[in-house]
C-alpha cells in the first residue's frame, strides 16, 4: 500500500468519522461523505466497499489510538501482572473520560444497535491480545490461577464492554450508588475469574 493511498484513506475515514458524530451513522450517506471530501463515487469505492467498511476502519483507528497509550503498561518490566491490570484499567478509563472526541464518538455508537455491535467486536479483537498478555504474565508469576489466559481475556472483555447494552446502563452511569455497586460487582467477577483473593481490589 503506497503512502499516498494510505494518507487519502485516513483522510476519508477522518471526514466520515466527523459526519457520523454530527449526523449519526444511519443518517450519514455515502453521498454525504463524497460531498464533504470532494471525492468521486468511483474514488470512494477504490478505498472502501461500503459505508460499513468506513465505520469499521473508523472504530479501529480510535481503538488503536487508545491501545498505543496502553502498550507501555503492557511491556513495563517493572510492574507485576496485578499492578499492570490495575494501571491498564485506570488509564483506559482516564482516556475514555478525558478524551472529548472519543466520548462524542462513543455516544454516537450507542445510538444504534448495529454500530454498538461493531464497536464490541472490534474492542474484543483489539484488546484481547494485550489483556491476555497481562493475564499470561500473571500466571507465570503465580498471581493468577487461569488455565487459558487469552480465552479468559476474551470472556472478561466481552463482559466489561457490553455495559451499554444493559437495561440498567443509565442507572449505572448516573446514580452514584448504582455505579459503585456495579464497580464492586465487576471487581468480584475479575478476581474470581483470575483466581485472586476476595480481598484484592482491581478497580
C-alpha atoms as a PDB file:
ATOM      1  CA  UNK A   1       0.000   0.000   0.000  1.00  0.00           C
ATOM      2  CA  UNK A   2       1.506   3.331  -1.086  1.00  0.00           C
ATOM      3  CA  UNK A   3       1.841   6.247   1.331  1.00  0.00           C
ATOM      4  CA  UNK A   4      -0.415   8.356  -0.907  1.00  0.00           C
ATOM      5  CA  UNK A   5      -3.144   5.694  -0.849  1.00  0.00           C
ATOM      6  CA  UNK A   6      -2.826   5.269   2.915  1.00  0.00           C
ATOM      7  CA  UNK A   7      -2.973   9.011   3.614  1.00  0.00           C
ATOM      8  CA  UNK A   8      -6.011   9.514   1.394  1.00  0.00           C
ATOM      9  CA  UNK A   9      -7.806   6.629   3.063  1.00  0.00           C
ATOM     10  CA  UNK A  10      -7.053   8.093   6.513  1.00  0.00           C
ATOM     11  CA  UNK A  11      -8.384  11.454   5.327  1.00  0.00           C
ATOM     12  CA  UNK A  12     -11.649   9.873   4.170  1.00  0.00           C
ATOM     13  CA  UNK A  13     -12.000   7.953   7.436  1.00  0.00           C
ATOM     14  CA  UNK A  14     -11.490  11.171   9.407  1.00  0.00           C
ATOM     15  CA  UNK A  15     -14.077  13.064   7.346  1.00  0.00           C
ATOM     16  CA  UNK A  16     -16.597  10.231   7.604  1.00  0.00           C
ATOM     17  CA  UNK A  17     -15.989   9.907  11.349  1.00  0.00           C
ATOM     18  CA  UNK A  18     -16.845  13.565  11.895  1.00  0.00           C
ATOM     19  CA  UNK A  19     -20.021  13.160   9.850  1.00  0.00           C
ATOM     20  CA  UNK A  20     -21.015  10.091  11.847  1.00  0.00           C
ATOM     21  CA  UNK A  21     -20.653  12.095  15.073  1.00  0.00           C
ATOM     22  CA  UNK A  22     -22.501  15.134  13.713  1.00  0.00           C
ATOM     23  CA  UNK A  23     -25.354  13.377  11.911  1.00  0.00           C
ATOM     24  CA  UNK A  24     -25.300   9.825  13.227  1.00  0.00           C
ATOM     25  CA  UNK A  25     -24.120   6.757  11.323  1.00  0.00           C
ATOM     26  CA  UNK A  26     -27.550   5.768   9.996  1.00  0.00           C
ATOM     27  CA  UNK A  27     -28.278   9.314   8.818  1.00  0.00           C
ATOM     28  CA  UNK A  28     -24.937   9.741   7.022  1.00  0.00           C
ATOM     29  CA  UNK A  29     -24.969   8.568   3.420  1.00  0.00           C
ATOM     30  CA  UNK A  30     -22.107   7.772   1.065  1.00  0.00           C
ATOM     31  CA  UNK A  31     -23.162  10.876  -0.870  1.00  0.00           C
ATOM     32  CA  UNK A  32     -22.629  12.960   2.298  1.00  0.00           C
ATOM     33  CA  UNK A  33     -19.092  11.604   2.526  1.00  0.00           C
ATOM     34  CA  UNK A  34     -18.496  12.316  -1.166  1.00  0.00           C
ATOM     35  CA  UNK A  35     -19.722  15.877  -0.789  1.00  0.00           C
ATOM     36  CA  UNK A  36     -17.650  16.568   2.329  1.00  0.00           C
ATOM     37  CA  UNK A  37     -14.477  15.028   0.890  1.00  0.00           C
ATOM     38  CA  UNK A  38     -14.816  16.150  -2.722  1.00  0.00           C
ATOM     39  CA  UNK A  39     -14.067  12.636  -3.935  1.00  0.00           C
ATOM     40  CA  UNK A  40     -15.983  10.897  -6.725  1.00  0.00           C
ATOM     41  CA  UNK A  41     -18.138   7.835  -6.108  1.00  0.00           C
ATOM     42  CA  UNK A  42     -15.642   5.744  -8.064  1.00  0.00           C
ATOM     43  CA  UNK A  43     -12.848   7.175  -5.944  1.00  0.00           C
ATOM     44  CA  UNK A  44     -14.696   6.268  -2.761  1.00  0.00           C
ATOM     45  CA  UNK A  45     -15.155   2.659  -3.838  1.00  0.00           C
ATOM     46  CA  UNK A  46     -11.464   2.499  -4.671  1.00  0.00           C
ATOM     47  CA  UNK A  47     -10.838   2.718  -0.906  1.00  0.00           C
ATOM     48  CA  UNK A  48     -13.955   1.154   0.600  1.00  0.00           C
ATOM     49  CA  UNK A  49     -16.544  -1.424  -0.378  1.00  0.00           C
ATOM     50  CA  UNK A  50     -19.299   0.273   1.607  1.00  0.00           C
ATOM     51  CA  UNK A  51     -20.160   2.798   4.311  1.00  0.00           C
ATOM     52  CA  UNK A  52     -19.894  -0.068   6.810  1.00  0.00           C
ATOM     53  CA  UNK A  53     -16.234  -0.527   5.836  1.00  0.00           C
ATOM     54  CA  UNK A  54     -15.620   3.139   6.658  1.00  0.00           C
ATOM     55  CA  UNK A  55     -17.259   2.677  10.056  1.00  0.00           C
ATOM     56  CA  UNK A  56     -15.141  -0.400  10.789  1.00  0.00           C
ATOM     57  CA  UNK A  57     -11.890   1.412   9.956  1.00  0.00           C
ATOM     58  CA  UNK A  58     -13.031   4.480  11.885  1.00  0.00           C
ATOM     59  CA  UNK A  59     -13.654   2.422  15.036  1.00  0.00           C
ATOM     60  CA  UNK A  60     -10.344   0.598  14.573  1.00  0.00           C
ATOM     61  CA  UNK A  61      -8.494   3.929  14.404  1.00  0.00           C
ATOM     62  CA  UNK A  62      -9.870   5.258  17.666  1.00  0.00           C
ATOM     63  CA  UNK A  63      -9.328   1.923  19.463  1.00  0.00           C
ATOM     64  CA  UNK A  64      -5.748   1.737  18.177  1.00  0.00           C
ATOM     65  CA  UNK A  65      -5.133   5.264  19.477  1.00  0.00           C
ATOM     66  CA  UNK A  66      -6.178   4.061  22.925  1.00  0.00           C
ATOM     67  CA  UNK A  67      -4.067   0.898  22.664  1.00  0.00           C
ATOM     68  CA  UNK A  68      -0.968   2.960  21.777  1.00  0.00           C
ATOM     69  CA  UNK A  69      -1.330   4.709  25.134  1.00  0.00           C
ATOM     70  CA  UNK A  70      -1.807   1.406  26.961  1.00  0.00           C
ATOM     71  CA  UNK A  71       1.015  -0.572  25.323  1.00  0.00           C
ATOM     72  CA  UNK A  72       3.771   0.943  27.555  1.00  0.00           C
ATOM     73  CA  UNK A  73       1.922  -0.516  30.543  1.00  0.00           C
ATOM     74  CA  UNK A  74       1.779  -3.991  28.993  1.00  0.00           C
ATOM     75  CA  UNK A  75       5.533  -4.068  28.291  1.00  0.00           C
ATOM     76  CA  UNK A  76       6.663  -2.373  31.534  1.00  0.00           C
ATOM     77  CA  UNK A  77       9.126  -4.808  33.151  1.00  0.00           C
ATOM     78  CA  UNK A  78       8.944  -3.001  36.491  1.00  0.00           C
ATOM     79  CA  UNK A  79       5.296  -3.928  37.107  1.00  0.00           C
ATOM     80  CA  UNK A  80       3.901  -7.292  38.063  1.00  0.00           C
ATOM     81  CA  UNK A  81       0.728  -8.536  36.380  1.00  0.00           C
ATOM     82  CA  UNK A  82      -1.693  -7.328  39.043  1.00  0.00           C
ATOM     83  CA  UNK A  83      -0.145  -3.860  39.024  1.00  0.00           C
ATOM     84  CA  UNK A  84      -0.366  -3.814  35.228  1.00  0.00           C
ATOM     85  CA  UNK A  85      -4.011  -4.838  35.295  1.00  0.00           C
ATOM     86  CA  UNK A  86      -4.872  -2.055  37.725  1.00  0.00           C
ATOM     87  CA  UNK A  87      -2.973   0.619  35.767  1.00  0.00           C
ATOM     88  CA  UNK A  88      -4.341  -0.726  32.458  1.00  0.00           C
ATOM     89  CA  UNK A  89      -7.931  -0.343  33.697  1.00  0.00           C
ATOM     90  CA  UNK A  90      -7.201   3.054  35.244  1.00  0.00           C
ATOM     91  CA  UNK A  91      -5.566   4.520  32.123  1.00  0.00           C
ATOM     92  CA  UNK A  92      -8.305   3.101  29.882  1.00  0.00           C
ATOM     93  CA  UNK A  93     -10.957   4.866  31.989  1.00  0.00           C
ATOM     94  CA  UNK A  94      -8.946   8.104  32.072  1.00  0.00           C
ATOM     95  CA  UNK A  95      -8.654   8.131  28.287  1.00  0.00           C
ATOM     96  CA  UNK A  96     -12.350   7.466  27.794  1.00  0.00           C
ATOM     97  CA  UNK A  97     -13.405  10.090  30.333  1.00  0.00           C
ATOM     98  CA  UNK A  98     -10.962  12.837  29.313  1.00  0.00           C
ATOM     99  CA  UNK A  99     -10.909  12.471  25.529  1.00  0.00           C
ATOM    100  CA  UNK A 100     -13.842  14.528  24.257  1.00  0.00           C
ATOM    101  CA  UNK A 101     -13.627  13.187  20.719  1.00  0.00           C
ATOM    102  CA  UNK A 102     -13.745   9.625  21.995  1.00  0.00           C
ATOM    103  CA  UNK A 103     -16.707  10.459  24.228  1.00  0.00           C
ATOM    104  CA  UNK A 104     -18.611  12.025  21.335  1.00  0.00           C
ATOM    105  CA  UNK A 105     -17.804   9.088  19.100  1.00  0.00           C
ATOM    106  CA  UNK A 106     -18.884   6.539  21.697  1.00  0.00           C
ATOM    107  CA  UNK A 107     -22.111   8.489  22.252  1.00  0.00           C
ATOM    108  CA  UNK A 108     -22.816   8.199  18.522  1.00  0.00           C
ATOM    109  CA  UNK A 109     -22.160   4.446  18.563  1.00  0.00           C
ATOM    110  CA  UNK A 110     -24.574   3.950  21.451  1.00  0.00           C
ATOM    111  CA  UNK A 111     -27.476   5.260  19.375  1.00  0.00           C
ATOM    112  CA  UNK A 112     -27.558   2.222  17.098  1.00  0.00           C
ATOM    113  CA  UNK A 113     -27.504  -1.490  17.901  1.00  0.00           C
ATOM    114  CA  UNK A 114     -25.559  -2.078  14.688  1.00  0.00           C
ATOM    115  CA  UNK A 115     -22.780   0.456  15.412  1.00  0.00           C
ATOM    116  CA  UNK A 116     -22.575  -0.708  19.033  1.00  0.00           C
ATOM    117  CA  UNK A 117     -22.222  -4.310  17.880  1.00  0.00           C
ATOM    118  CA  UNK A 118     -19.386  -3.313  15.524  1.00  0.00           C
ATOM    119  CA  UNK A 119     -17.681  -1.496  18.397  1.00  0.00           C
ATOM    120  CA  UNK A 120     -17.911  -4.540  20.696  1.00  0.00           C
ATOM    121  CA  UNK A 121     -16.479  -6.845  18.049  1.00  0.00           C
ATOM    122  CA  UNK A 122     -13.511  -4.568  17.335  1.00  0.00           C
ATOM    123  CA  UNK A 123     -12.769  -3.868  21.022  1.00  0.00           C
ATOM    124  CA  UNK A 124     -12.754  -7.599  21.733  1.00  0.00           C
ATOM    125  CA  UNK A 125     -10.462  -8.236  18.764  1.00  0.00           C
ATOM    126  CA  UNK A 126      -8.034  -5.437  19.555  1.00  0.00           C
ATOM    127  CA  UNK A 127      -7.887  -5.720  23.356  1.00  0.00           C
ATOM    128  CA  UNK A 128      -7.797  -9.484  23.798  1.00  0.00           C
ATOM    129  CA  UNK A 129      -4.072  -9.806  22.976  1.00  0.00           C
ATOM    130  CA  UNK A 130      -2.679  -7.100  25.321  1.00  0.00           C
ATOM    131  CA  UNK A 131      -5.127  -8.112  28.069  1.00  0.00           C
ATOM    132  CA  UNK A 132      -4.230 -11.763  27.514  1.00  0.00           C
ATOM    133  CA  UNK A 133      -0.522 -10.938  27.768  1.00  0.00           C
ATOM    134  CA  UNK A 134      -1.080  -9.418  31.211  1.00  0.00           C
ATOM    135  CA  UNK A 135      -3.034 -12.464  32.371  1.00  0.00           C
ATOM    136  CA  UNK A 136      -0.398 -14.789  30.919  1.00  0.00           C
ATOM    137  CA  UNK A 137       2.303 -12.907  32.840  1.00  0.00           C
ATOM    138  CA  UNK A 138       0.219 -13.229  35.998  1.00  0.00           C
ATOM    139  CA  UNK A 139       0.000 -16.991  35.556  1.00  0.00           C
ATOM    140  CA  UNK A 140       3.788 -17.217  35.196  1.00  0.00           C
ATOM    141  CA  UNK A 141       4.197 -15.102  38.326  1.00  0.00           C
ATOM    142  CA  UNK A 142       1.729 -17.341  40.205  1.00  0.00           C
ATOM    143  CA  UNK A 143      -0.517 -14.317  40.799  1.00  0.00           C
ATOM    144  CA  UNK A 144      -3.408 -15.511  38.609  1.00  0.00           C
ATOM    145  CA  UNK A 145      -4.823 -19.020  38.579  1.00  0.00           C
ATOM    146  CA  UNK A 146      -6.016 -19.348  34.970  1.00  0.00           C
ATOM    147  CA  UNK A 147      -5.712 -22.252  32.546  1.00  0.00           C
ATOM    148  CA  UNK A 148      -6.261 -20.324  29.316  1.00  0.00           C
ATOM    149  CA  UNK A 149      -5.155 -16.642  29.555  1.00  0.00           C
ATOM    150  CA  UNK A 150      -6.327 -15.455  26.138  1.00  0.00           C
ATOM    151  CA  UNK A 151      -9.697 -17.198  26.279  1.00  0.00           C
ATOM    152  CA  UNK A 152     -10.223 -15.757  29.769  1.00  0.00           C
ATOM    153  CA  UNK A 153      -9.250 -12.303  28.482  1.00  0.00           C
ATOM    154  CA  UNK A 154     -11.777 -12.628  25.661  1.00  0.00           C
ATOM    155  CA  UNK A 155     -14.629 -13.578  28.019  1.00  0.00           C
ATOM    156  CA  UNK A 156     -13.829 -10.843  30.560  1.00  0.00           C
ATOM    157  CA  UNK A 157     -13.545  -8.186  27.855  1.00  0.00           C
ATOM    158  CA  UNK A 158     -16.955  -9.056  26.478  1.00  0.00           C
ATOM    159  CA  UNK A 159     -18.368  -8.790  29.995  1.00  0.00           C
ATOM    160  CA  UNK A 160     -16.892  -5.334  30.595  1.00  0.00           C
ATOM    161  CA  UNK A 161     -17.510  -3.699  27.207  1.00  0.00           C
ATOM    162  CA  UNK A 162     -21.130  -4.861  26.963  1.00  0.00           C
ATOM    163  CA  UNK A 163     -22.218  -2.500  29.762  1.00  0.00           C
ATOM    164  CA  UNK A 164     -24.092  -0.108  27.394  1.00  0.00           C
ATOM    165  CA  UNK A 165     -26.395  -2.991  26.418  1.00  0.00           C
ATOM    166  CA  UNK A 166     -27.625  -3.370  29.988  1.00  0.00           C
ATOM    167  CA  UNK A 167     -31.163  -2.172  30.700  1.00  0.00           C
ATOM    168  CA  UNK A 168     -29.630  -0.573  33.803  1.00  0.00           C
ATOM    169  CA  UNK A 169     -26.933   1.327  31.867  1.00  0.00           C
ATOM    170  CA  UNK A 170     -28.408   4.757  32.624  1.00  0.00           C
ATOM    171  CA  UNK A 171     -28.634   3.934  36.332  1.00  0.00           C
ATOM    172  CA  UNK A 172     -25.071   2.581  36.446  1.00  0.00           C
ATOM    173  CA  UNK A 173     -23.690   5.738  34.849  1.00  0.00           C
ATOM    174  CA  UNK A 174     -25.851   8.388  36.541  1.00  0.00           C
ATOM    175  CA  UNK A 175     -26.679   7.007  40.001  1.00  0.00           C
ATOM    176  CA  UNK A 176     -23.667   7.120  42.329  1.00  0.00           C
ATOM    177  CA  UNK A 177     -24.799   4.181  44.447  1.00  0.00           C
ATOM    178  CA  UNK A 178     -25.628   2.025  41.409  1.00  0.00           C
ATOM    179  CA  UNK A 179     -22.301   2.966  39.823  1.00  0.00           C
ATOM    180  CA  UNK A 180     -20.439   1.947  42.980  1.00  0.00           C
ATOM    181  CA  UNK A 181     -22.352  -1.341  43.163  1.00  0.00           C
ATOM    182  CA  UNK A 182     -21.526  -2.038  39.518  1.00  0.00           C
ATOM    183  CA  UNK A 183     -17.788  -1.443  40.071  1.00  0.00           C
ATOM    184  CA  UNK A 184     -17.795  -3.730  43.100  1.00  0.00           C
ATOM    185  CA  UNK A 185     -19.578  -6.431  41.108  1.00  0.00           C
ATOM    186  CA  UNK A 186     -17.167  -6.185  38.168  1.00  0.00           C
ATOM    187  CA  UNK A 187     -14.255  -6.342  40.595  1.00  0.00           C
ATOM    188  CA  UNK A 188     -15.704  -9.544  42.071  1.00  0.00           C
ATOM    189  CA  UNK A 189     -16.069 -11.073  38.607  1.00  0.00           C
ATOM    190  CA  UNK A 190     -12.460 -10.205  37.749  1.00  0.00           C
ATOM    191  CA  UNK A 191     -10.876 -11.501  40.938  1.00  0.00           C
ATOM    192  CA  UNK A 192     -12.800 -14.766  40.836  1.00  0.00           C
ATOM    193  CA  UNK A 193     -12.131 -15.348  37.148  1.00  0.00           C
ATOM    194  CA  UNK A 194      -8.419 -14.702  37.734  1.00  0.00           C
ATOM    195  CA  UNK A 195      -8.253 -16.819  40.889  1.00  0.00           C
ATOM    196  CA  UNK A 196      -7.370 -13.936  43.199  1.00  0.00           C
ATOM    197  CA  UNK A 197      -8.065 -13.486  46.889  1.00  0.00           C
ATOM    198  CA  UNK A 198     -11.506 -11.997  47.651  1.00  0.00           C
ATOM    199  CA  UNK A 199      -9.899  -9.006  49.364  1.00  0.00           C
ATOM    200  CA  UNK A 200      -7.999  -7.914  46.239  1.00  0.00           C
ATOM    201  CA  UNK A 201      -9.225  -4.721  44.614  1.00  0.00           C
ATOM    202  CA  UNK A 202      -8.592  -4.167  40.889  1.00  0.00           C
ATOM    203  CA  UNK A 203     -10.973  -1.326  40.046  1.00  0.00           C
END
